[in-house]
């Protein structure tokens, strides 16, 4: 009868175990770092310590986004300014509104609606008649029908909202 070899010893092994289990690899370098490799100067004896590369902070806004936002704000301000400026034009005038003549051109005066309590109020609207009136005679006859005591006529045409205003001095 043969006796088994004592535990921990293998009489046939030559310094190695034939069925050695593979050791699991750590995903990161060991605590002390990698050992210094021959021919690689610059690392200390224990190896370089593992230091993760820090992420760079992200910018909240890119320059392109800021540029787009500035353009949108400028366009919005221009649209609102244009809307507010056009609200006082002659095409918004109603009967009883007071008007101010902005330009001194007799062929194309710039009338704007103002409050009657304003010192700039020059005229009062007696009638507003829709339609195109190309001659002064036609405009005057239409104003005589609508308001007997008118003094001035103002016609606007060409922008799709043709109309005639019959005006009188405001005093």
C-alpha atoms as a PDB file:
ATOM      1  CA  UNK A   1       0.000   0.000   0.000  1.00  0.00           C
ATOM      2  CA  UNK A   2       1.179   3.485  -0.851  1.00  0.00           C
ATOM      3  CA  UNK A   3       0.853   6.447   1.324  1.00  0.00           C
ATOM      4  CA  UNK A   4      -0.318   9.731  -0.082  1.00  0.00           C
ATOM      5  CA  UNK A   5       2.107  12.606  -0.007  1.00  0.00           C
ATOM      6  CA  UNK A   6       1.754  15.041   2.869  1.00  0.00           C
ATOM      7  CA  UNK A   7      -0.551  18.062   2.302  1.00  0.00           C
ATOM      8  CA  UNK A   8       1.111  21.125   0.893  1.00  0.00           C
ATOM      9  CA  UNK A   9       3.879  19.206  -0.787  1.00  0.00           C
ATOM     10  CA  UNK A  10       3.907  17.804  -4.253  1.00  0.00           C
ATOM     11  CA  UNK A  11       6.670  15.327  -4.946  1.00  0.00           C
ATOM     12  CA  UNK A  12       6.336  15.810  -8.732  1.00  0.00           C
ATOM     13  CA  UNK A  13       6.228  19.622  -8.777  1.00  0.00           C
ATOM     14  CA  UNK A  14       9.321  21.523  -9.618  1.00  0.00           C
ATOM     15  CA  UNK A  15       8.522  24.694  -7.756  1.00  0.00           C
ATOM     16  CA  UNK A  16       5.145  25.351  -9.420  1.00  0.00           C
ATOM     17  CA  UNK A  17       1.666  24.167  -8.837  1.00  0.00           C
ATOM     18  CA  UNK A  18       0.220  22.520 -11.955  1.00  0.00           C
ATOM     19  CA  UNK A  19      -3.353  23.602 -11.366  1.00  0.00           C
ATOM     20  CA  UNK A  20      -2.899  27.040  -9.918  1.00  0.00           C
ATOM     21  CA  UNK A  21      -5.999  29.192  -9.722  1.00  0.00           C
ATOM     22  CA  UNK A  22      -5.649  32.558 -11.507  1.00  0.00           C
ATOM     23  CA  UNK A  23      -5.623  35.439  -9.090  1.00  0.00           C
ATOM     24  CA  UNK A  24      -8.209  38.185  -9.780  1.00  0.00           C
ATOM     25  CA  UNK A  25      -6.717  41.410 -11.133  1.00  0.00           C
ATOM     26  CA  UNK A  26      -7.542  44.678  -9.410  1.00  0.00           C
ATOM     27  CA  UNK A  27      -9.024  47.292 -11.804  1.00  0.00           C
ATOM     28  CA  UNK A  28      -6.766  49.974 -10.334  1.00  0.00           C
ATOM     29  CA  UNK A  29      -3.094  49.963  -9.405  1.00  0.00           C
ATOM     30  CA  UNK A  30      -2.297  48.536  -5.991  1.00  0.00           C
ATOM     31  CA  UNK A  31      -2.102  50.854  -3.006  1.00  0.00           C
ATOM     32  CA  UNK A  32       1.606  51.464  -3.345  1.00  0.00           C
ATOM     33  CA  UNK A  33       1.468  51.923  -7.117  1.00  0.00           C
ATOM     34  CA  UNK A  34       3.278  49.875  -9.709  1.00  0.00           C
ATOM     35  CA  UNK A  35       6.834  48.815  -8.955  1.00  0.00           C
ATOM     36  CA  UNK A  36       9.501  50.672 -10.805  1.00  0.00           C
ATOM     37  CA  UNK A  37      10.330  49.023 -14.085  1.00  0.00           C
ATOM     38  CA  UNK A  38      13.944  48.708 -15.044  1.00  0.00           C
ATOM     39  CA  UNK A  39      14.948  51.333 -17.598  1.00  0.00           C
ATOM     40  CA  UNK A  40      12.149  53.774 -16.683  1.00  0.00           C
ATOM     41  CA  UNK A  41      13.668  56.599 -14.724  1.00  0.00           C
ATOM     42  CA  UNK A  42      11.645  59.279 -12.989  1.00  0.00           C
ATOM     43  CA  UNK A  43       9.388  57.116 -10.822  1.00  0.00           C
ATOM     44  CA  UNK A  44      10.072  56.695  -7.157  1.00  0.00           C
ATOM     45  CA  UNK A  45      10.824  53.236  -5.845  1.00  0.00           C
ATOM     46  CA  UNK A  46       7.202  52.600  -4.881  1.00  0.00           C
ATOM     47  CA  UNK A  47       5.903  53.764  -8.266  1.00  0.00           C
ATOM     48  CA  UNK A  48       3.760  56.729  -9.178  1.00  0.00           C
ATOM     49  CA  UNK A  49       0.667  57.145  -7.026  1.00  0.00           C
ATOM     50  CA  UNK A  50      -2.630  56.803  -8.854  1.00  0.00           C
ATOM     51  CA  UNK A  51      -4.312  60.168  -9.311  1.00  0.00           C
ATOM     52  CA  UNK A  52      -7.441  60.456 -11.472  1.00  0.00           C
ATOM     53  CA  UNK A  53      -7.472  63.255 -14.009  1.00  0.00           C
ATOM     54  CA  UNK A  54      -9.916  65.910 -12.771  1.00  0.00           C
ATOM     55  CA  UNK A  55     -12.691  66.860 -15.160  1.00  0.00           C
ATOM     56  CA  UNK A  56     -12.651  70.383 -16.432  1.00  0.00           C
ATOM     57  CA  UNK A  57     -15.689  72.351 -15.340  1.00  0.00           C
ATOM     58  CA  UNK A  58     -18.207  72.855 -18.117  1.00  0.00           C
ATOM     59  CA  UNK A  59     -19.159  76.325 -19.196  1.00  0.00           C
ATOM     60  CA  UNK A  60     -22.742  77.140 -18.469  1.00  0.00           C
ATOM     61  CA  UNK A  61     -23.213  79.132 -21.656  1.00  0.00           C
ATOM     62  CA  UNK A  62     -21.224  78.945 -24.834  1.00  0.00           C
ATOM     63  CA  UNK A  63     -20.334  82.070 -26.732  1.00  0.00           C
ATOM     64  CA  UNK A  64     -22.616  80.998 -29.563  1.00  0.00           C
ATOM     65  CA  UNK A  65     -25.603  80.724 -27.206  1.00  0.00           C
ATOM     66  CA  UNK A  66     -24.849  84.139 -25.729  1.00  0.00           C
ATOM     67  CA  UNK A  67     -24.615  85.667 -29.208  1.00  0.00           C
ATOM     68  CA  UNK A  68     -27.965  84.163 -30.221  1.00  0.00           C
ATOM     69  CA  UNK A  69     -29.585  85.419 -27.011  1.00  0.00           C
ATOM     70  CA  UNK A  70     -28.281  88.964 -27.607  1.00  0.00           C
ATOM     71  CA  UNK A  71     -29.608  88.992 -31.175  1.00  0.00           C
ATOM     72  CA  UNK A  72     -33.019  87.759 -29.997  1.00  0.00           C
ATOM     73  CA  UNK A  73     -33.189  90.422 -27.279  1.00  0.00           C
ATOM     74  CA  UNK A  74     -32.310  93.171 -29.774  1.00  0.00           C
ATOM     75  CA  UNK A  75     -34.939  91.922 -32.229  1.00  0.00           C
ATOM     76  CA  UNK A  76     -37.546  91.773 -29.455  1.00  0.00           C
ATOM     77  CA  UNK A  77     -36.761  95.312 -28.287  1.00  0.00           C
ATOM     78  CA  UNK A  78     -36.957  96.590 -31.876  1.00  0.00           C
ATOM     79  CA  UNK A  79     -40.316  94.866 -32.420  1.00  0.00           C
ATOM     80  CA  UNK A  80     -41.769  96.234 -29.185  1.00  0.00           C
ATOM     81  CA  UNK A  81     -40.412  99.719 -29.930  1.00  0.00           C
ATOM     82  CA  UNK A  82     -41.892  99.650 -33.420  1.00  0.00           C
ATOM     83  CA  UNK A  83     -45.243  98.525 -32.083  1.00  0.00           C
ATOM     84  CA  UNK A  84     -45.325 101.260 -29.443  1.00  0.00           C
ATOM     85  CA  UNK A  85     -44.247 103.902 -31.941  1.00  0.00           C
ATOM     86  CA  UNK A  86     -46.914 102.842 -34.452  1.00  0.00           C
ATOM     87  CA  UNK A  87     -49.689 103.001 -31.869  1.00  0.00           C
ATOM     88  CA  UNK A  88     -49.646 106.803 -32.019  1.00  0.00           C
ATOM     89  CA  UNK A  89     -49.864 107.049 -35.802  1.00  0.00           C
ATOM     90  CA  UNK A  90     -52.771 108.622 -37.617  1.00  0.00           C
ATOM     91  CA  UNK A  91     -54.190 105.208 -38.578  1.00  0.00           C
ATOM     92  CA  UNK A  92     -55.026 104.561 -34.896  1.00  0.00           C
ATOM     93  CA  UNK A  93     -56.920 107.846 -34.526  1.00  0.00           C
ATOM     94  CA  UNK A  94     -60.602 107.771 -33.588  1.00  0.00           C
ATOM     95  CA  UNK A  95     -63.254 110.450 -33.564  1.00  0.00           C
ATOM     96  CA  UNK A  96     -62.571 112.789 -30.618  1.00  0.00           C
ATOM     97  CA  UNK A  97     -58.806 112.063 -30.465  1.00  0.00           C
ATOM     98  CA  UNK A  98     -56.361 114.948 -30.505  1.00  0.00           C
ATOM     99  CA  UNK A  99     -53.501 115.019 -32.980  1.00  0.00           C
ATOM    100  CA  UNK A 100     -50.065 116.625 -33.181  1.00  0.00           C
ATOM    101  CA  UNK A 101     -48.265 117.416 -36.417  1.00  0.00           C
ATOM    102  CA  UNK A 102     -44.711 116.144 -36.071  1.00  0.00           C
ATOM    103  CA  UNK A 103     -43.238 117.297 -39.393  1.00  0.00           C
ATOM    104  CA  UNK A 104     -43.715 120.586 -41.181  1.00  0.00           C
ATOM    105  CA  UNK A 105     -44.001 119.070 -44.653  1.00  0.00           C
ATOM    106  CA  UNK A 106     -47.269 120.145 -46.277  1.00  0.00           C
ATOM    107  CA  UNK A 107     -47.234 117.238 -48.730  1.00  0.00           C
ATOM    108  CA  UNK A 108     -46.665 114.494 -46.147  1.00  0.00           C
ATOM    109  CA  UNK A 109     -47.303 115.673 -42.570  1.00  0.00           C
ATOM    110  CA  UNK A 110     -46.550 113.261 -39.758  1.00  0.00           C
ATOM    111  CA  UNK A 111     -49.623 113.170 -37.521  1.00  0.00           C
ATOM    112  CA  UNK A 112     -49.590 111.356 -34.219  1.00  0.00           C
ATOM    113  CA  UNK A 113     -52.247 110.820 -31.574  1.00  0.00           C
ATOM    114  CA  UNK A 114     -51.681 112.738 -28.332  1.00  0.00           C
ATOM    115  CA  UNK A 115     -53.777 113.291 -25.233  1.00  0.00           C
ATOM    116  CA  UNK A 116     -56.010 116.331 -25.475  1.00  0.00           C
ATOM    117  CA  UNK A 117     -54.596 117.561 -22.152  1.00  0.00           C
ATOM    118  CA  UNK A 118     -51.108 117.579 -23.700  1.00  0.00           C
ATOM    119  CA  UNK A 119     -49.718 120.982 -24.728  1.00  0.00           C
ATOM    120  CA  UNK A 120     -48.765 119.493 -28.119  1.00  0.00           C
ATOM    121  CA  UNK A 121     -52.425 118.881 -29.090  1.00  0.00           C
ATOM    122  CA  UNK A 122     -53.145 120.890 -32.266  1.00  0.00           C
ATOM    123  CA  UNK A 123     -56.127 119.221 -33.958  1.00  0.00           C
ATOM    124  CA  UNK A 124     -59.176 117.200 -32.999  1.00  0.00           C
ATOM    125  CA  UNK A 125     -60.562 114.397 -35.197  1.00  0.00           C
ATOM    126  CA  UNK A 126     -64.163 115.105 -36.237  1.00  0.00           C
ATOM    127  CA  UNK A 127     -64.567 112.127 -38.586  1.00  0.00           C
ATOM    128  CA  UNK A 128     -62.613 109.133 -39.885  1.00  0.00           C
ATOM    129  CA  UNK A 129     -63.740 107.726 -43.219  1.00  0.00           C
ATOM    130  CA  UNK A 130     -62.316 104.531 -44.694  1.00  0.00           C
ATOM    131  CA  UNK A 131     -61.410 104.420 -48.375  1.00  0.00           C
ATOM    132  CA  UNK A 132     -59.060 106.050 -50.868  1.00  0.00           C
ATOM    133  CA  UNK A 133     -59.557 109.724 -51.717  1.00  0.00           C
ATOM    134  CA  UNK A 134     -56.992 110.917 -54.208  1.00  0.00           C
ATOM    135  CA  UNK A 135     -58.164 114.468 -54.847  1.00  0.00           C
ATOM    136  CA  UNK A 136     -58.699 117.307 -52.402  1.00  0.00           C
ATOM    137  CA  UNK A 137     -62.173 117.968 -53.805  1.00  0.00           C
ATOM    138  CA  UNK A 138     -63.345 114.410 -53.153  1.00  0.00           C
ATOM    139  CA  UNK A 139     -61.842 114.455 -49.627  1.00  0.00           C
ATOM    140  CA  UNK A 140     -63.448 117.821 -48.828  1.00  0.00           C
ATOM    141  CA  UNK A 141     -66.876 116.725 -50.046  1.00  0.00           C
ATOM    142  CA  UNK A 142     -66.683 113.542 -47.923  1.00  0.00           C
ATOM    143  CA  UNK A 143     -65.698 115.570 -44.837  1.00  0.00           C
ATOM    144  CA  UNK A 144     -68.560 118.047 -45.446  1.00  0.00           C
ATOM    145  CA  UNK A 145     -70.994 115.124 -45.348  1.00  0.00           C
ATOM    146  CA  UNK A 146     -69.492 113.701 -42.130  1.00  0.00           C
ATOM    147  CA  UNK A 147     -68.517 116.882 -40.215  1.00  0.00           C
ATOM    148  CA  UNK A 148     -69.776 120.313 -41.240  1.00  0.00           C
ATOM    149  CA  UNK A 149     -67.269 122.425 -39.296  1.00  0.00           C
ATOM    150  CA  UNK A 150     -64.038 120.623 -40.356  1.00  0.00           C
ATOM    151  CA  UNK A 151     -61.026 122.760 -41.347  1.00  0.00           C
ATOM    152  CA  UNK A 152     -58.446 120.276 -42.641  1.00  0.00           C
ATOM    153  CA  UNK A 153     -58.353 116.914 -44.369  1.00  0.00           C
ATOM    154  CA  UNK A 154     -55.692 114.283 -43.981  1.00  0.00           C
ATOM    155  CA  UNK A 155     -55.565 111.259 -46.305  1.00  0.00           C
ATOM    156  CA  UNK A 156     -53.400 108.209 -45.977  1.00  0.00           C
ATOM    157  CA  UNK A 157     -53.087 105.500 -48.603  1.00  0.00           C
ATOM    158  CA  UNK A 158     -50.702 102.899 -49.894  1.00  0.00           C
ATOM    159  CA  UNK A 159     -50.284 100.620 -46.885  1.00  0.00           C
ATOM    160  CA  UNK A 160     -53.551  98.727 -47.246  1.00  0.00           C
ATOM    161  CA  UNK A 161     -55.503 100.820 -44.745  1.00  0.00           C
ATOM    162  CA  UNK A 162     -56.613 103.844 -46.767  1.00  0.00           C
ATOM    163  CA  UNK A 163     -58.583 106.428 -44.799  1.00  0.00           C
ATOM    164  CA  UNK A 164     -59.500 110.100 -44.544  1.00  0.00           C
ATOM    165  CA  UNK A 165     -59.409 112.217 -41.364  1.00  0.00           C
ATOM    166  CA  UNK A 166     -61.503 115.348 -41.023  1.00  0.00           C
ATOM    167  CA  UNK A 167     -59.733 117.672 -38.574  1.00  0.00           C
ATOM    168  CA  UNK A 168     -60.392 120.931 -36.766  1.00  0.00           C
ATOM    169  CA  UNK A 169     -58.061 123.170 -34.723  1.00  0.00           C
ATOM    170  CA  UNK A 170     -58.003 122.238 -31.074  1.00  0.00           C
ATOM    171  CA  UNK A 171     -58.369 125.193 -28.702  1.00  0.00           C
END
